[in-house]
PDB file of N, CA and C in Angstrom:
ATOM      1  N   MET A   1     -75.881-200.389 -59.361  1.00  0.00           N
ATOM      2  CA  MET A   1     -77.066-200.621 -59.866  1.00  0.00           C
ATOM      3  C   MET A   1     -77.685-201.843 -60.102  1.00  0.00           C
ATOM      4  N   SER A   2     -77.716-202.628 -58.844  1.00  0.00           N
ATOM      5  CA  SER A   2     -78.084-203.919 -59.119  1.00  0.00           C
ATOM      6  C   SER A   2     -79.886-204.201 -58.658  1.00  0.00           C
ATOM      7  N   ASP A   3     -79.844-205.468 -59.110  1.00  0.00           N
ATOM      8  CA  ASP A   3     -81.382-205.940 -59.299  1.00  0.00           C
ATOM      9  C   ASP A   3     -81.915-205.648 -57.839  1.00  0.00           C
ATOM     10  N   ALA A   4     -80.980-205.891 -56.463  1.00  0.00           N
ATOM     11  CA  ALA A   4     -81.396-206.018 -55.088  1.00  0.00           C
ATOM     12  C   ALA A   4     -81.598-204.596 -55.098  1.00  0.00           C
ATOM     13  N   HIS A   5     -81.025-203.837 -55.483  1.00  0.00           N
ATOM     14  CA  HIS A   5     -81.895-202.224 -55.340  1.00  0.00           C
ATOM     15  C   HIS A   5     -83.049-201.596 -56.031  1.00  0.00           C
ATOM     16  N   THR A   6     -83.507-202.423 -57.567  1.00  0.00           N
ATOM     17  CA  THR A   6     -84.761-201.980 -58.322  1.00  0.00           C
ATOM     18  C   THR A   6     -85.683-202.855 -57.066  1.00  0.00           C
ATOM     19  N   GLN A   7     -86.644-201.813 -56.572  1.00  0.00           N
ATOM     20  CA  GLN A   7     -88.047-201.959 -56.137  1.00  0.00           C
ATOM     21  C   GLN A   7     -88.961-201.879 -56.889  1.00  0.00           C
ATOM     22  N   PRO A   8     -90.024-202.714 -57.127  1.00  0.00           N
ATOM     23  CA  PRO A   8     -91.356-202.167 -58.141  1.00  0.00           C
ATOM     24  C   PRO A   8     -91.988-201.309 -57.028  1.00  0.00           C
ATOM     25  N   THR A   9     -92.491-200.460 -57.721  1.00  0.00           N
ATOM     26  CA  THR A   9     -93.754-199.181 -57.187  1.00  0.00           C
ATOM     27  C   THR A   9     -94.463-198.890 -57.912  1.00  0.00           C
ATOM     28  N   ASP A  10     -95.613-198.653 -57.161  1.00  0.00           N
ATOM     29  CA  ASP A  10     -96.514-197.953 -57.909  1.00  0.00           C
ATOM     30  C   ASP A  10     -97.019-196.550 -58.466  1.00  0.00           C
ATOM     31  N   GLU A  11     -95.834-195.921 -57.724  1.00  0.00           N
ATOM     32  CA  GLU A  11     -95.947-194.702 -57.768  1.00  0.00           C
ATOM     33  C   GLU A  11     -95.805-194.060 -58.901  1.00  0.00           C
ATOM     34  N   PRO A  12     -96.968-193.207 -59.458  1.00  0.00           N
ATOM     35  CA  PRO A  12     -97.280-192.727 -61.186  1.00  0.00           C
ATOM     36  C   PRO A  12     -95.680-192.000 -61.465  1.00  0.00           C
ATOM     37  N   ASN A  13     -95.467-191.248 -60.478  1.00  0.00           N
ATOM     38  CA  ASN A  13     -94.278-189.967 -61.162  1.00  0.00           C
ATOM     39  C   ASN A  13     -93.116-190.713 -60.544  1.00  0.00           C
ATOM     40  N   ARG A  14     -92.216-190.665 -61.908  1.00  0.00           N
ATOM     41  CA  ARG A  14     -91.002-191.723 -61.226  1.00  0.00           C
ATOM     42  C   ARG A  14     -89.760-190.198 -61.012  1.00  0.00           C
ATOM     43  N   ASP A  15     -89.800-188.899 -60.716  1.00  0.00           N
ATOM     44  CA  ASP A  15     -89.086-187.834 -59.831  1.00  0.00           C
ATOM     45  C   ASP A  15     -89.389-188.380 -58.571  1.00  0.00           C
ATOM     46  N   GLU A  16     -90.713-189.043 -57.968  1.00  0.00           N
ATOM     47  CA  GLU A  16     -90.634-188.922 -56.555  1.00  0.00           C
ATOM     48  C   GLU A  16     -90.029-190.868 -56.584  1.00  0.00           C
ATOM     49  N   THR A  17     -90.186-191.426 -57.273  1.00  0.00           N
ATOM     50  CA  THR A  17     -89.590-192.524 -56.766  1.00  0.00           C
ATOM     51  C   THR A  17     -88.037-192.580 -57.098  1.00  0.00           C
ATOM     52  N   ALA A  18     -87.291-192.084 -57.790  1.00  0.00           N
ATOM     53  CA  ALA A  18     -86.138-191.693 -57.908  1.00  0.00           C
ATOM     54  C   ALA A  18     -84.725-191.955 -57.007  1.00  0.00           C
ATOM     55  N   ARG A  19     -83.912-192.625 -57.044  1.00  0.00           N
ATOM     56  CA  ARG A  19     -83.247-192.927 -56.029  1.00  0.00           C
ATOM     57  C   ARG A  19     -82.066-191.845 -55.818  1.00  0.00           C
ATOM     58  N   ASP A  20     -81.896-191.294 -55.148  1.00  0.00           N
ATOM     59  CA  ASP A  20     -81.162-189.963 -54.929  1.00  0.00           C
ATOM     60  C   ASP A  20     -79.542-190.445 -54.137  1.00  0.00           C
ATOM     61  N   ASP A  21     -79.308-191.758 -54.061  1.00  0.00           N
ATOM     62  CA  ASP A  21     -78.487-192.495 -53.563  1.00  0.00           C
ATOM     63  C   ASP A  21     -77.308-193.284 -54.082  1.00  0.00           C
ATOM     64  N   THR A  22     -77.437-193.368 -55.729  1.00  0.00           N
ATOM     65  CA  THR A  22     -76.632-193.735 -56.309  1.00  0.00           C
ATOM     66  C   THR A  22     -75.494-193.667 -56.634  1.00  0.00           C
ATOM     67  N   ALA A  23     -74.528-194.680 -56.237  1.00  0.00           N
ATOM     68  CA  ALA A  23     -73.418-194.602 -56.244  1.00  0.00           C
ATOM     69  C   ALA A  23     -72.822-195.162 -58.163  1.00  0.00           C
ATOM     70  N   TRP A  24     -71.565-194.043 -58.265  1.00  0.00           N
ATOM     71  CA  TRP A  24     -70.800-194.712 -59.786  1.00  0.00           C
ATOM     72  C   TRP A  24     -70.898-195.986 -59.198  1.00  0.00           C
ATOM     73  N   TYR A  25     -70.467-197.033 -58.378  1.00  0.00           N
ATOM     74  CA  TYR A  25     -70.380-198.809 -59.027  1.00  0.00           C
ATOM     75  C   TYR A  25     -71.444-198.847 -58.412  1.00  0.00           C
ATOM     76  N   ASP A  26     -72.405-198.459 -58.133  1.00  0.00           N
ATOM     77  CA  ASP A  26     -73.861-199.219 -58.080  1.00  0.00           C
ATOM     78  C   ASP A  26     -73.769-199.334 -59.336  1.00  0.00           C
ATOM     79  N   LEU A  27     -73.743-198.459 -60.080  1.00  0.00           N
ATOM     80  CA  LEU A  27     -74.508-198.536 -62.006  1.00  0.00           C
ATOM     81  C   LEU A  27     -73.170-199.759 -62.957  1.00  0.00           C
ATOM     82  N   LEU A  28     -74.077-200.342 -63.639  1.00  0.00           N
ATOM     83  CA  LEU A  28     -73.301-201.648 -64.537  1.00  0.00           C
ATOM     84  C   LEU A  28     -72.255-200.672 -65.388  1.00  0.00           C
ATOM     85  N   GLY A  29     -70.869-201.084 -65.748  1.00  0.00           N
ATOM     86  CA  GLY A  29     -70.418-200.472 -66.704  1.00  0.00           C
ATOM     87  C   GLY A  29     -70.952-200.043 -67.759  1.00  0.00           C
ATOM     88  N   PHE A  30     -71.592-200.629 -68.587  1.00  0.00           N
ATOM     89  CA  PHE A  30     -72.471-200.428 -69.865  1.00  0.00           C
ATOM     90  C   PHE A  30     -73.442-198.793 -69.566  1.00  0.00           C
ATOM     91  N   GLN A  31     -73.915-199.025 -68.229  1.00  0.00           N
ATOM     92  CA  GLN A  31     -74.578-197.655 -67.566  1.00  0.00           C
ATOM     93  C   GLN A  31     -74.150-196.179 -67.210  1.00  0.00           C
ATOM     94  N   ARG A  32     -72.347-196.835 -67.120  1.00  0.00           N
ATOM     95  CA  ARG A  32     -71.792-195.609 -66.982  1.00  0.00           C
ATOM     96  C   ARG A  32     -71.171-195.199 -68.340  1.00  0.00           C
ATOM     97  N   ASP A  33     -70.927-196.132 -68.957  1.00  0.00           N
ATOM     98  CA  ASP A  33     -70.769-195.340 -70.453  1.00  0.00           C
ATOM     99  C   ASP A  33     -71.933-194.460 -71.114  1.00  0.00           C
ATOM    100  N   LEU A  34     -72.851-195.095 -71.470  1.00  0.00           N
ATOM    101  CA  LEU A  34     -73.872-194.310 -71.531  1.00  0.00           C
ATOM    102  C   LEU A  34     -74.446-192.997 -70.861  1.00  0.00           C
ATOM    103  N   LEU A  35     -74.379-193.310 -69.332  1.00  0.00           N
ATOM    104  CA  LEU A  35     -74.104-191.808 -69.176  1.00  0.00           C
ATOM    105  C   LEU A  35     -73.285-190.645 -69.525  1.00  0.00           C
ATOM    106  N   LEU A  36     -71.959-191.353 -70.029  1.00  0.00           N
ATOM    107  CA  LEU A  36     -70.568-190.473 -70.080  1.00  0.00           C
ATOM    108  C   LEU A  36     -70.977-190.064 -71.842  1.00  0.00           C
ATOM    109  N   VAL A  37     -71.319-190.972 -72.297  1.00  0.00           N
ATOM    110  CA  VAL A  37     -72.184-190.512 -73.854  1.00  0.00           C
ATOM    111  C   VAL A  37     -73.213-189.380 -74.172  1.00  0.00           C
ATOM    112  N   ALA A  38     -74.019-189.885 -73.155  1.00  0.00           N
ATOM    113  CA  ALA A  38     -75.388-188.910 -73.454  1.00  0.00           C
ATOM    114  C   ALA A  38     -74.930-187.277 -72.943  1.00  0.00           C
ATOM    115  N   ALA A  39     -73.891-187.479 -72.037  1.00  0.00           N
ATOM    116  CA  ALA A  39     -73.286-186.175 -71.571  1.00  0.00           C
ATOM    117  C   ALA A  39     -72.289-185.708 -72.606  1.00  0.00           C
ATOM    118  N   GLU A  40     -72.147-186.397 -73.558  1.00  0.00           N
ATOM    119  CA  GLU A  40     -71.113-185.796 -74.923  1.00  0.00           C
ATOM    120  C   GLU A  40     -72.431-185.335 -75.682  1.00  0.00           C
ATOM    121  N   VAL A  41     -73.519-186.375 -76.024  1.00  0.00           N
ATOM    122  CA  VAL A  41     -74.072-186.065 -77.167  1.00  0.00           C
ATOM    123  C   VAL A  41     -74.615-184.874 -76.734  1.00  0.00           C
ATOM    124  N   GLU A  42     -75.325-184.896 -75.593  1.00  0.00           N
ATOM    125  CA  GLU A  42     -76.179-183.191 -75.253  1.00  0.00           C
ATOM    126  C   GLU A  42     -75.621-182.147 -75.763  1.00  0.00           C
ATOM    127  N   ALA A  43     -74.417-181.887 -75.584  1.00  0.00           N
ATOM    128  CA  ALA A  43     -73.599-180.890 -76.261  1.00  0.00           C
ATOM    129  C   ALA A  43     -74.217-180.530 -77.395  1.00  0.00           C
ATOM    130  N   GLU A  44     -74.341-181.430 -77.980  1.00  0.00           N
ATOM    131  CA  GLU A  44     -74.349-181.412 -80.029  1.00  0.00           C
ATOM    132  C   GLU A  44     -75.933-181.140 -80.216  1.00  0.00           C
ATOM    133  N   GLY A  45     -76.840-181.347 -78.805  1.00  0.00           N
ATOM    134  CA  GLY A  45     -77.806-181.011 -79.455  1.00  0.00           C
ATOM    135  C   GLY A  45     -78.937-182.233 -78.915  1.00  0.00           C
ATOM    136  N   LEU A  46     -79.893-182.761 -79.302  1.00  0.00           N
ATOM    137  CA  LEU A  46     -80.731-183.049 -78.416  1.00  0.00           C
ATOM    138  C   LEU A  46     -80.309-184.995 -78.287  1.00  0.00           C
ATOM    139  N   PRO A  47     -80.168-185.189 -77.575  1.00  0.00           N
ATOM    140  CA  PRO A  47     -79.874-187.007 -76.911  1.00  0.00           C
ATOM    141  C   PRO A  47     -80.360-187.868 -77.696  1.00  0.00           C
ATOM    142  N   LYS A  48     -81.031-187.672 -78.882  1.00  0.00           N
ATOM    143  CA  LYS A  48     -81.944-189.286 -79.284  1.00  0.00           C
ATOM    144  C   LYS A  48     -81.496-190.484 -79.116  1.00  0.00           C
ATOM    145  N   GLY A  49     -82.180-191.525 -78.825  1.00  0.00           N
ATOM    146  CA  GLY A  49     -81.542-193.182 -78.671  1.00  0.00           C
ATOM    147  C   GLY A  49     -80.639-193.105 -79.253  1.00  0.00           C
ATOM    148  N   LEU A  50     -80.870-192.853 -80.732  1.00  0.00           N
ATOM    149  CA  LEU A  50     -79.585-193.668 -82.238  1.00  0.00           C
ATOM    150  C   LEU A  50     -78.455-192.570 -82.089  1.00  0.00           C
ATOM    151  N   ALA A  51     -78.698-191.402 -81.841  1.00  0.00           N
ATOM    152  CA  ALA A  51     -77.200-191.252 -81.363  1.00  0.00           C
ATOM    153  C   ALA A  51     -76.493-191.922 -80.407  1.00  0.00           C
ATOM    154  N   LEU A  52     -77.270-192.026 -79.459  1.00  0.00           N
ATOM    155  CA  LEU A  52     -76.480-193.039 -78.093  1.00  0.00           C
ATOM    156  C   LEU A  52     -76.252-194.300 -78.358  1.00  0.00           C
ATOM    157  N   LYS A  53     -76.945-194.789 -79.047  1.00  0.00           N
ATOM    158  CA  LYS A  53     -76.292-195.949 -79.856  1.00  0.00           C
ATOM    159  C   LYS A  53     -75.144-196.209 -80.326  1.00  0.00           C
ATOM    160  N   GLN A  54     -75.528-195.256 -81.797  1.00  0.00           N
ATOM    161  CA  GLN A  54     -74.023-194.766 -82.816  1.00  0.00           C
ATOM    162  C   GLN A  54     -72.590-194.710 -81.680  1.00  0.00           C
ATOM    163  N   ARG A  55     -72.806-193.268 -80.966  1.00  0.00           N
ATOM    164  CA  ARG A  55     -71.914-193.289 -80.203  1.00  0.00           C
ATOM    165  C   ARG A  55     -71.210-194.346 -79.459  1.00  0.00           C
ATOM    166  N   LEU A  56     -71.729-195.126 -78.544  1.00  0.00           N
ATOM    167  CA  LEU A  56     -71.263-196.574 -78.073  1.00  0.00           C
ATOM    168  C   LEU A  56     -71.105-197.150 -79.106  1.00  0.00           C
ATOM    169  N   GLU A  57     -71.645-197.709 -80.158  1.00  0.00           N
ATOM    170  CA  GLU A  57     -71.015-198.825 -81.431  1.00  0.00           C
ATOM    171  C   GLU A  57     -69.639-198.473 -81.428  1.00  0.00           C
ATOM    172  N   ALA A  58     -69.188-197.420 -81.806  1.00  0.00           N
ATOM    173  CA  ALA A  58     -68.277-196.493 -81.977  1.00  0.00           C
ATOM    174  C   ALA A  58     -66.895-196.790 -80.893  1.00  0.00           C
ATOM    175  N   ARG A  59     -67.177-196.988 -79.861  1.00  0.00           N
ATOM    176  CA  ARG A  59     -66.556-197.352 -78.742  1.00  0.00           C
ATOM    177  C   ARG A  59     -66.458-198.919 -78.102  1.00  0.00           C
ATOM    178  N   TYR A  60     -67.122-200.231 -78.455  1.00  0.00           N
ATOM    179  CA  TYR A  60     -67.774-201.031 -78.203  1.00  0.00           C
ATOM    180  C   TYR A  60     -67.365-201.952 -79.492  1.00  0.00           C
ATOM    181  N   SER A  61     -67.061-203.643 -79.369  1.00  0.00           N
ATOM    182  CA  SER A  61     -66.723-204.254 -80.305  1.00  0.00           C
ATOM    183  C   SER A  61     -67.656-204.801 -81.198  1.00  0.00           C
ATOM    184  N   ASP A  62     -68.492-204.537 -80.387  1.00  0.00           N
ATOM    185  CA  ASP A  62     -69.928-205.340 -80.910  1.00  0.00           C
ATOM    186  C   ASP A  62     -70.610-204.259 -80.981  1.00  0.00           C
ATOM    187  N   ALA A  63     -71.712-204.864 -81.923  1.00  0.00           N
ATOM    188  CA  ALA A  63     -73.541-203.437 -82.090  1.00  0.00           C
ATOM    189  C   ALA A  63     -73.623-204.090 -80.861  1.00  0.00           C
ATOM    190  N   ILE A  64     -74.832-203.012 -80.486  1.00  0.00           N
ATOM    191  CA  ILE A  64     -75.784-202.515 -79.481  1.00  0.00           C
ATOM    192  C   ILE A  64     -76.908-202.835 -79.549  1.00  0.00           C
ATOM    193  N   ASN A  65     -77.440-203.935 -78.648  1.00  0.00           N
ATOM    194  CA  ASN A  65     -78.790-204.891 -79.150  1.00  0.00           C
ATOM    195  C   ASN A  65     -79.835-202.720 -78.746  1.00  0.00           C
ATOM    196  N   HIS A  66     -80.560-202.639 -79.347  1.00  0.00           N
ATOM    197  CA  HIS A  66     -81.650-201.632 -78.718  1.00  0.00           C
ATOM    198  C   HIS A  66     -82.623-202.102 -77.562  1.00  0.00           C
ATOM    199  N   GLY A  67     -82.593-203.512 -77.122  1.00  0.00           N
ATOM    200  CA  GLY A  67     -83.151-203.497 -76.112  1.00  0.00           C
ATOM    201  C   GLY A  67     -82.342-203.507 -74.932  1.00  0.00           C
ATOM    202  N   ARG A  68     -81.071-203.797 -75.079  1.00  0.00           N
ATOM    203  CA  ARG A  68     -80.017-202.925 -74.524  1.00  0.00           C
ATOM    204  C   ARG A  68     -79.479-201.893 -73.818  1.00  0.00           C
ATOM    205  N   LEU A  69     -79.661-201.361 -74.972  1.00  0.00           N
ATOM    206  CA  LEU A  69     -79.899-199.743 -74.533  1.00  0.00           C
ATOM    207  C   LEU A  69     -80.884-198.885 -74.257  1.00  0.00           C
ATOM    208  N   TYR A  70     -81.767-199.248 -74.548  1.00  0.00           N
ATOM    209  CA  TYR A  70     -83.485-199.088 -74.001  1.00  0.00           C
ATOM    210  C   TYR A  70     -83.645-199.229 -72.546  1.00  0.00           C
ATOM    211  N   THR A  71     -83.103-200.693 -72.190  1.00  0.00           N
ATOM    212  CA  THR A  71     -83.944-201.105 -71.024  1.00  0.00           C
ATOM    213  C   THR A  71     -82.831-200.440 -70.009  1.00  0.00           C
ATOM    214  N   ASN A  72     -81.201-200.134 -70.249  1.00  0.00           N
ATOM    215  CA  ASN A  72     -80.757-199.246 -69.680  1.00  0.00           C
ATOM    216  C   ASN A  72     -81.138-197.968 -69.459  1.00  0.00           C
ATOM    217  N   LEU A  73     -81.293-197.311 -70.401  1.00  0.00           N
ATOM    218  CA  LEU A  73     -81.829-195.891 -70.172  1.00  0.00           C
ATOM    219  C   LEU A  73     -82.950-195.850 -69.361  1.00  0.00           C
ATOM    220  N   SER A  74     -83.919-196.919 -69.226  1.00  0.00           N
ATOM    221  CA  SER A  74     -84.978-197.056 -68.390  1.00  0.00           C
ATOM    222  C   SER A  74     -84.513-197.372 -67.238  1.00  0.00           C
ATOM    223  N   ASP A  75     -83.537-197.851 -67.000  1.00  0.00           N
ATOM    224  CA  ASP A  75     -83.303-198.205 -65.264  1.00  0.00           C
ATOM    225  C   ASP A  75     -82.415-196.728 -64.941  1.00  0.00           C
ATOM    226  N   LEU A  76     -81.743-196.036 -65.587  1.00  0.00           N
ATOM    227  CA  LEU A  76     -80.812-194.712 -65.069  1.00  0.00           C
ATOM    228  C   LEU A  76     -82.099-194.056 -65.119  1.00  0.00           C
ATOM    229  N   GLU A  77     -83.616-193.913 -65.858  1.00  0.00           N
ATOM    230  CA  GLU A  77     -84.439-193.151 -65.514  1.00  0.00           C
ATOM    231  C   GLU A  77     -84.647-193.007 -64.255  1.00  0.00           C
ATOM    232  N   ASP A  78     -84.967-194.560 -64.022  1.00  0.00           N
ATOM    233  CA  ASP A  78     -85.760-194.687 -62.675  1.00  0.00           C
ATOM    234  C   ASP A  78     -84.683-194.759 -61.681  1.00  0.00           C
ATOM    235  N   GLU A  79     -83.184-194.330 -61.473  1.00  0.00           N
ATOM    236  CA  GLU A  79     -82.437-193.827 -60.571  1.00  0.00           C
ATOM    237  C   GLU A  79     -81.903-192.646 -60.445  1.00  0.00           C
ATOM    238  N   GLY A  80     -83.188-191.813 -61.398  1.00  0.00           N
ATOM    239  CA  GLY A  80     -82.855-190.274 -61.509  1.00  0.00           C
ATOM    240  C   GLY A  80     -81.932-189.422 -61.758  1.00  0.00           C
ATOM    241  N   LEU A  81     -81.281-190.235 -63.047  1.00  0.00           N
ATOM    242  CA  LEU A  81     -79.864-190.216 -63.534  1.00  0.00           C
ATOM    243  C   LEU A  81     -80.509-189.835 -65.073  1.00  0.00           C
ATOM    244  N   ILE A  82     -81.212-190.190 -65.555  1.00  0.00           N
ATOM    245  CA  ILE A  82     -81.752-189.630 -67.243  1.00  0.00           C
ATOM    246  C   ILE A  82     -83.106-188.878 -66.906  1.00  0.00           C
ATOM    247  N   GLU A  83     -83.522-188.018 -68.006  1.00  0.00           N
ATOM    248  CA  GLU A  83     -84.778-187.494 -68.195  1.00  0.00           C
ATOM    249  C   GLU A  83     -85.156-188.005 -69.413  1.00  0.00           C
ATOM    250  N   THR A  84     -85.997-188.242 -69.647  1.00  0.00           N
ATOM    251  CA  THR A  84     -86.660-188.692 -71.519  1.00  0.00           C
ATOM    252  C   THR A  84     -87.956-187.329 -71.389  1.00  0.00           C
ATOM    253  N   GLU A  85     -87.790-187.045 -72.835  1.00  0.00           N
ATOM    254  CA  GLU A  85     -88.155-185.680 -73.237  1.00  0.00           C
ATOM    255  C   GLU A  85     -89.107-186.358 -74.467  1.00  0.00           C
ATOM    256  N   GLU A  86     -90.262-186.480 -74.612  1.00  0.00           N
ATOM    257  CA  GLU A  86     -90.222-187.027 -76.108  1.00  0.00           C
ATOM    258  C   GLU A  86     -90.495-185.754 -76.880  1.00  0.00           C
ATOM    259  N   ILE A  87     -89.884-185.904 -77.972  1.00  0.00           N
ATOM    260  CA  ILE A  87     -89.459-185.254 -79.123  1.00  0.00           C
ATOM    261  C   ILE A  87     -90.936-185.656 -80.083  1.00  0.00           C
ATOM    262  N   ASP A  88     -91.469-186.286 -80.704  1.00  0.00           N
ATOM    263  CA  ASP A  88     -92.288-187.001 -81.428  1.00  0.00           C
ATOM    264  C   ASP A  88     -93.158-187.939 -80.855  1.00  0.00           C
ATOM    265  N   GLY A  89     -93.943-188.797 -81.401  1.00  0.00           N
ATOM    266  CA  GLY A  89     -94.379-190.446 -81.088  1.00  0.00           C
ATOM    267  C   GLY A  89     -93.586-191.051 -81.125  1.00  0.00           C
ATOM    268  N   ARG A  90     -92.431-191.080 -81.744  1.00  0.00           N
ATOM    269  CA  ARG A  90     -91.743-192.485 -81.615  1.00  0.00           C
ATOM    270  C   ARG A  90     -90.130-192.008 -81.361  1.00  0.00           C
ATOM    271  N   THR A  91     -89.873-191.138 -80.817  1.00  0.00           N
ATOM    272  CA  THR A  91     -88.570-190.485 -80.608  1.00  0.00           C
ATOM    273  C   THR A  91     -88.753-189.967 -79.295  1.00  0.00           C
ATOM    274  N   ASN A  92     -87.492-190.064 -78.659  1.00  0.00           N
ATOM    275  CA  ASN A  92     -87.473-189.253 -77.275  1.00  0.00           C
ATOM    276  C   ASN A  92     -86.058-188.889 -77.232  1.00  0.00           C
ATOM    277  N   ALA A  93     -85.649-188.243 -76.440  1.00  0.00           N
ATOM    278  CA  ALA A  93     -84.737-187.087 -76.089  1.00  0.00           C
ATOM    279  C   ALA A  93     -84.021-187.635 -74.878  1.00  0.00           C
ATOM    280  N   TYR A  94     -83.103-188.006 -74.461  1.00  0.00           N
ATOM    281  CA  TYR A  94     -82.563-188.487 -73.297  1.00  0.00           C
ATOM    282  C   TYR A  94     -81.371-187.627 -73.212  1.00  0.00           C
ATOM    283  N   CYS A  95     -81.515-186.563 -71.586  1.00  0.00           N
ATOM    284  CA  CYS A  95     -80.534-185.714 -71.475  1.00  0.00           C
ATOM    285  C   CYS A  95     -80.358-186.546 -69.888  1.00  0.00           C
ATOM    286  N   VAL A  96     -79.070-185.973 -69.584  1.00  0.00           N
ATOM    287  CA  VAL A  96     -78.669-186.454 -68.605  1.00  0.00           C
ATOM    288  C   VAL A  96     -78.658-185.255 -67.235  1.00  0.00           C
ATOM    289  N   THR A  97     -79.167-185.898 -65.564  1.00  0.00           N
ATOM    290  CA  THR A  97     -79.904-184.821 -64.574  1.00  0.00           C
ATOM    291  C   THR A  97     -78.734-183.948 -63.893  1.00  0.00           C
ATOM    292  N   ASP A  98     -78.863-183.757 -63.340  1.00  0.00           N
ATOM    293  CA  ASP A  98     -78.154-182.943 -62.050  1.00  0.00           C
ATOM    294  C   ASP A  98     -77.178-184.147 -61.294  1.00  0.00           C
ATOM    295  N   ARG A  99     -78.114-184.530 -60.923  1.00  0.00           N
ATOM    296  CA  ARG A  99     -77.360-185.669 -59.937  1.00  0.00           C
ATOM    297  C   ARG A  99     -76.444-186.739 -60.726  1.00  0.00           C
ATOM    298  N   ALA A 100     -76.688-187.221 -62.299  1.00  0.00           N
ATOM    299  CA  ALA A 100     -75.987-187.379 -63.187  1.00  0.00           C
ATOM    300  C   ALA A 100     -74.554-186.890 -63.454  1.00  0.00           C
ATOM    301  N   ARG A 101     -74.755-185.433 -63.226  1.00  0.00           N
ATOM    302  CA  ARG A 101     -73.604-185.012 -63.024  1.00  0.00           C
ATOM    303  C   ARG A 101     -72.649-184.764 -62.482  1.00  0.00           C
ATOM    304  N   GLU A 102     -73.446-184.441 -61.262  1.00  0.00           N
ATOM    305  CA  GLU A 102     -72.685-185.029 -59.777  1.00  0.00           C
ATOM    306  C   GLU A 102     -71.742-185.979 -59.621  1.00  0.00           C
ATOM    307  N   LEU A 103     -72.422-187.384 -60.390  1.00  0.00           N
ATOM    308  CA  LEU A 103     -71.509-188.844 -60.629  1.00  0.00           C
ATOM    309  C   LEU A 103     -70.830-188.718 -61.346  1.00  0.00           C
ATOM    310  N   LEU A 104     -71.200-187.771 -62.404  1.00  0.00           N
ATOM    311  CA  LEU A 104     -69.746-187.706 -63.560  1.00  0.00           C
ATOM    312  C   LEU A 104     -68.825-186.930 -63.021  1.00  0.00           C
ATOM    313  N   ALA A 105     -69.434-186.020 -62.398  1.00  0.00           N
ATOM    314  CA  ALA A 105     -67.911-184.863 -61.967  1.00  0.00           C
ATOM    315  C   ALA A 105     -66.952-185.715 -60.457  1.00  0.00           C
ATOM    316  N   GLY A 106     -67.493-186.635 -59.695  1.00  0.00           N
ATOM    317  CA  GLY A 106     -67.086-186.784 -59.057  1.00  0.00           C
ATOM    318  C   GLY A 106     -66.102-187.827 -59.208  1.00  0.00           C
ATOM    319  N   ARG A 107     -66.421-189.069 -60.551  1.00  0.00           N
ATOM    320  CA  ARG A 107     -65.582-189.654 -61.086  1.00  0.00           C
ATOM    321  C   ARG A 107     -64.561-189.083 -61.823  1.00  0.00           C
ATOM    322  N   ARG A 108     -64.542-187.800 -62.387  1.00  0.00           N
ATOM    323  CA  ARG A 108     -63.402-187.145 -62.932  1.00  0.00           C
ATOM    324  C   ARG A 108     -62.162-186.787 -61.691  1.00  0.00           C
ATOM    325  N   ASP A 109     -63.366-185.981 -60.675  1.00  0.00           N
ATOM    326  CA  ASP A 109     -62.223-185.664 -59.168  1.00  0.00           C
ATOM    327  C   ASP A 109     -61.185-187.103 -58.932  1.00  0.00           C
ATOM    328  N   ALA A 110     -62.285-188.491 -58.767  1.00  0.00           N
ATOM    329  CA  ALA A 110     -61.053-189.902 -58.374  1.00  0.00           C
ATOM    330  C   ALA A 110     -60.225-190.076 -59.598  1.00  0.00           C
ATOM    331  N   ILE A 111     -60.586-189.851 -60.434  1.00  0.00           N
ATOM    332  CA  ILE A 111     -59.675-190.092 -61.495  1.00  0.00           C
ATOM    333  C   ILE A 111     -58.684-189.311 -61.708  1.00  0.00           C
ATOM    334  N   ASN A 112     -58.983-187.868 -61.029  1.00  0.00           N
ATOM    335  CA  ASN A 112     -57.387-187.241 -61.445  1.00  0.00           C
ATOM    336  C   ASN A 112     -56.827-186.889 -59.587  1.00  0.00           C
ATOM    337  N   ALA A 113     -57.262-187.310 -58.771  1.00  0.00           N
ATOM    338  CA  ALA A 113     -56.717-187.605 -57.870  1.00  0.00           C
ATOM    339  C   ALA A 113     -55.679-189.107 -57.731  1.00  0.00           C
ATOM    340  N   ALA A 114     -56.480-189.905 -58.008  1.00  0.00           N
ATOM    341  CA  ALA A 114     -55.694-190.943 -58.897  1.00  0.00           C
ATOM    342  C   ALA A 114     -54.138-190.737 -58.988  1.00  0.00           C
ATOM    343  N   LEU A 115     -54.771-190.184 -60.541  1.00  0.00           N
ATOM    344  CA  LEU A 115     -53.381-189.736 -60.993  1.00  0.00           C
ATOM    345  C   LEU A 115     -52.363-189.034 -60.713  1.00  0.00           C
ATOM    346  N   ASP A 116     -52.889-187.639 -59.774  1.00  0.00           N
ATOM    347  CA  ASP A 116     -52.057-186.859 -58.476  1.00  0.00           C
ATOM    348  C   ASP A 116     -50.925-188.062 -58.150  1.00  0.00           C
ATOM    349  N   ALA A 117     -51.976-189.166 -57.160  1.00  0.00           N
ATOM    350  CA  ALA A 117     -51.233-189.697 -56.079  1.00  0.00           C
ATOM    351  C   ALA A 117     -49.790-190.679 -56.709  1.00  0.00           C
ATOM    352  N   GLY A 118     -50.274-190.877 -57.905  1.00  0.00           N
ATOM    353  CA  GLY A 118     -49.221-191.688 -58.686  1.00  0.00           C
ATOM    354  C   GLY A 118     -47.755-190.874 -58.930  1.00  0.00           C
ATOM    355  N   GLY A 119     -47.634-189.774 -58.836  1.00  0.00           N
ATOM    356  CA  GLY A 119     -46.335-189.061 -58.723  1.00  0.00           C
ATOM    357  C   GLY A 119     -46.108-188.863 -59.849  1.00  0.00           C
ATOM    358  N   GLU A 120     -44.991-187.881 -60.084  1.00  0.00           N
ATOM    359  CA  GLU A 120     -44.423-187.709 -61.561  1.00  0.00           C
ATOM    360  C   GLU A 120     -42.938-188.089 -61.915  1.00  0.00           C
ATOM    361  N   ASP A 121     -42.932-188.311 -62.908  1.00  0.00           N
ATOM    362  CA  ASP A 121     -41.614-188.976 -63.507  1.00  0.00           C
ATOM    363  C   ASP A 121     -40.672-187.496 -63.826  1.00  0.00           C
ATOM    364  N   ALA A 122     -39.343-187.723 -62.465  1.00  0.00           N
ATOM    365  CA  ALA A 122     -38.741-186.822 -62.866  1.00  0.00           C
ATOM    366  C   ALA A 122     -36.827-187.080 -63.505  1.00  0.00           C
TER     367      ALA A 122
END
C-alpha cells in the first residue's frame, strides 16, 4: 500500500471507498504484522489498540510508537482490511475484515506451497 495507491476522497462512508484489490505485497511489512496480530488478538476478545501494540512490541526490538500504530490501523481501515468498533469515547476495537482474512489465508497457502516445493529430506 504505497502512497501512490492512496487517493483523497470526500466520500463519507469508508466502506464505499475501501479498496478491494489490495494485494499482500501492496502492504508495508508493519501493516502485514499488524494484520496478523489483529487476527490473533481478535480470538482472545475485542482487540484494542493497546493489546495490538503490546503484541507487536513482543515481536519487535524497538517500542512501537502510538502514531505509527494508529496511522497504520487507519490506513488498513481505508483499504477495507480493518474495521473499527467504538467501545467507549476513548477506546476502539480493531477487527480484521473478511477481505483481510482472505489475504492472510492466501499467504498461508503461498507459504505452504513454497515449503512443499522445497522437497523433503530423505
